[in-house]
Amino acid sequence: MTRLLALDDNLDSAELVARVGTKCGYEAKAISDPRSLPDLVRTWNPAVITLDLCMPQEDGIVVLSTLQQAGFEGDLFIVSGQDSWLRNTAGRLASALGLKVTGDFSKPVDLTALRTALTKLKPVESDAAAPVWE
C-alpha cells in the first residue's frame, strides 16, 4: 500500500491531512516532531510527505535538507500559512536539493484540492492478478 506521512507541529493538522490520505487509499501516518523523520523515511518509506514549513522544533527549510540526506525520493507537498512567495522559495530550494516537489498548499488546507492532488498521485493497486489473454 502507498504510504503518506503528514508532518506538522500541530498534530491535529497533521492528523487531518492523514485522514484525507486514508480516504484516498493511502496508509497514512501523522507526526508533529520532525526529529523522527530520518528514521521514518528509511524504515517506513513513505511515497508522499506533506511538510509544514513553520515548526518550533526544527524549521521546515532545515527539514528539506534532512529529507535529502535521508534519501527521500517520493512526492513532497509543502504546506504553510506563510505567503506564497515563501512556499515557492522553499519549493525551489527543495528542487535544488533533488527533492520532487509536487505542489504546495496554504493553510488552512483546501481539503478538496488536497484530495484531488493525492488521488492523482496514487497508483492504481489491485489485489487481483491481471488477466492473461491468449
Protein backbone atom coordinates (compact mmCIF):
# COMPACT_ATOMS: atom_id res chain seq x y z
CA MET A 1 0.00 0.00 0.00
CA THR A 2 1.21 3.50 -0.81
CA ARG A 3 2.21 5.48 2.27
CA LEU A 4 1.67 9.13 3.16
CA LEU A 5 3.42 10.90 6.02
CA ALA A 6 1.96 14.19 7.27
CA LEU A 7 4.36 16.38 9.28
CA ASP A 8 3.00 19.43 11.09
CA ASP A 9 3.87 20.79 14.53
CA ASN A 10 0.11 20.98 15.11
CA LEU A 11 -0.74 17.30 15.42
CA ASP A 12 -4.43 17.98 14.74
CA SER A 13 -3.47 19.46 11.35
CA ALA A 14 -1.20 16.51 10.55
CA GLU A 15 -3.94 14.08 11.54
CA LEU A 16 -6.45 15.89 9.31
CA VAL A 17 -4.11 15.51 6.32
CA ALA A 18 -3.52 11.86 7.24
CA ARG A 19 -7.29 11.22 7.36
CA VAL A 20 -7.67 12.73 3.89
CA GLY A 21 -4.84 10.48 2.73
CA THR A 22 -6.53 7.43 4.22
CA LYS A 23 -9.77 8.29 2.41
CA CYS A 24 -7.73 8.47 -0.82
CA GLY A 25 -6.42 4.95 -0.24
CA TYR A 26 -3.07 5.67 1.41
CA GLU A 27 -1.67 4.10 4.52
CA ALA A 28 -1.16 7.36 6.41
CA LYS A 29 0.74 8.47 9.47
CA ALA A 30 0.76 11.86 11.21
CA ILE A 31 3.69 13.21 13.22
CA SER A 32 4.38 16.52 14.92
CA ASP A 33 8.09 16.22 15.68
CA PRO A 34 10.42 16.40 12.68
CA ARG A 35 13.28 14.81 14.61
CA SER A 36 11.82 11.35 13.95
CA LEU A 37 11.67 12.00 10.21
CA PRO A 38 15.00 10.48 9.09
CA ASP A 39 14.22 7.12 10.71
CA LEU A 40 10.65 7.11 9.35
CA VAL A 41 11.84 7.88 5.82
CA ARG A 42 14.30 5.00 5.96
CA THR A 43 12.14 2.40 7.75
CA TRP A 44 8.54 3.25 6.83
CA ASN A 45 9.38 4.52 3.31
CA PRO A 46 6.55 6.98 2.60
CA ALA A 47 5.76 7.71 -1.04
CA VAL A 48 4.32 11.13 -0.17
CA ILE A 49 5.19 13.63 2.55
CA THR A 50 3.27 16.78 3.42
CA LEU A 51 5.55 19.24 5.20
CA ASP A 52 4.61 22.22 7.31
CA LEU A 53 7.28 24.90 6.91
CA CYS A 54 7.00 26.66 10.26
CA MET A 55 7.68 24.37 13.21
CA PRO A 56 9.26 25.26 16.55
CA GLN A 57 11.37 22.10 16.93
CA GLU A 58 13.03 22.35 13.52
CA ASP A 59 12.25 24.76 10.72
CA GLY A 60 10.77 23.23 7.59
CA ILE A 61 13.62 24.63 5.49
CA VAL A 62 16.05 22.58 7.58
CA VAL A 63 13.77 19.56 7.21
CA LEU A 64 14.23 19.75 3.43
CA SER A 65 17.92 19.03 3.89
CA THR A 66 17.06 16.23 6.31
CA LEU A 67 14.77 14.66 3.70
CA GLN A 68 17.50 14.85 1.08
CA GLN A 69 20.07 13.29 3.44
CA ALA A 70 17.62 10.53 4.39
CA GLY A 71 17.22 9.65 0.72
CA PHE A 72 13.55 10.58 0.35
CA GLU A 73 12.59 10.06 -3.30
CA GLY A 74 8.82 10.44 -3.11
CA ASP A 75 6.44 13.32 -3.73
CA LEU A 76 6.62 16.33 -1.43
CA PHE A 77 3.83 18.79 -0.72
CA ILE A 78 4.76 21.97 1.12
CA VAL A 79 2.09 23.26 3.49
CA SER A 80 2.28 26.66 5.14
CA GLY A 81 0.25 29.56 6.39
CA GLN A 82 3.04 31.82 5.14
CA ASP A 83 2.87 33.87 1.95
CA SER A 84 3.01 32.08 -1.38
CA TRP A 85 6.47 33.52 -2.13
CA LEU A 86 7.86 31.61 0.87
CA ARG A 87 6.22 28.35 -0.25
CA ASN A 88 7.58 28.92 -3.76
CA THR A 89 11.07 29.67 -2.43
CA ALA A 90 11.00 26.55 -0.27
CA GLY A 91 9.89 24.55 -3.30
CA ARG A 92 12.79 25.86 -5.37
CA LEU A 93 15.22 25.03 -2.56
CA ALA A 94 13.77 21.53 -2.26
CA SER A 95 14.10 21.02 -6.01
CA ALA A 96 17.70 22.23 -5.88
CA LEU A 97 18.30 19.55 -3.23
CA GLY A 98 16.94 16.93 -5.61
CA LEU A 99 13.55 16.54 -3.94
CA LYS A 100 10.42 16.14 -6.03
CA VAL A 101 8.07 18.97 -5.08
CA THR A 102 4.65 18.05 -6.37
CA GLY A 103 2.78 21.07 -5.03
CA ASP A 104 2.05 23.39 -2.17
CA PHE A 105 -0.94 24.29 -0.08
CA SER A 106 -1.72 27.32 2.01
CA LYS A 107 -3.24 26.91 5.44
CA PRO A 108 -5.95 26.23 6.18
CA VAL A 109 -5.62 23.45 3.63
CA ASP A 110 -8.30 23.22 0.96
CA LEU A 111 -9.27 19.60 1.62
CA THR A 112 -10.91 19.16 -1.77
CA ALA A 113 -7.73 20.30 -3.54
CA LEU A 114 -5.62 18.06 -1.30
CA ARG A 115 -7.86 15.08 -2.00
CA THR A 116 -7.64 15.76 -5.75
CA ALA A 117 -3.84 16.02 -5.66
CA LEU A 118 -3.42 12.85 -3.61
CA THR A 119 -5.82 10.90 -5.80
CA LYS A 120 -3.88 11.89 -8.93
CA LEU A 121 -0.64 10.60 -7.36
CA LYS A 122 -1.95 7.32 -6.03
CA PRO A 123 -1.12 4.40 -8.31
CA VAL A 124 -3.94 2.00 -9.02
CA GLU A 125 -3.45 -1.03 -6.83
CA SER A 126 -5.20 -4.30 -7.30
CA ASP A 127 -5.17 -7.50 -5.28
CA ALA A 128 -6.24 -9.48 -8.30
CA ALA A 129 -3.76 -10.68 -10.86
CA ALA A 130 -4.02 -9.02 -14.25
CA PRO A 131 -5.88 -11.13 -16.75
CA VAL A 132 -3.79 -13.06 -19.22
CA TRP A 133 -5.05 -13.12 -22.81
CA GLU A 134 -4.08 -15.92 -25.09
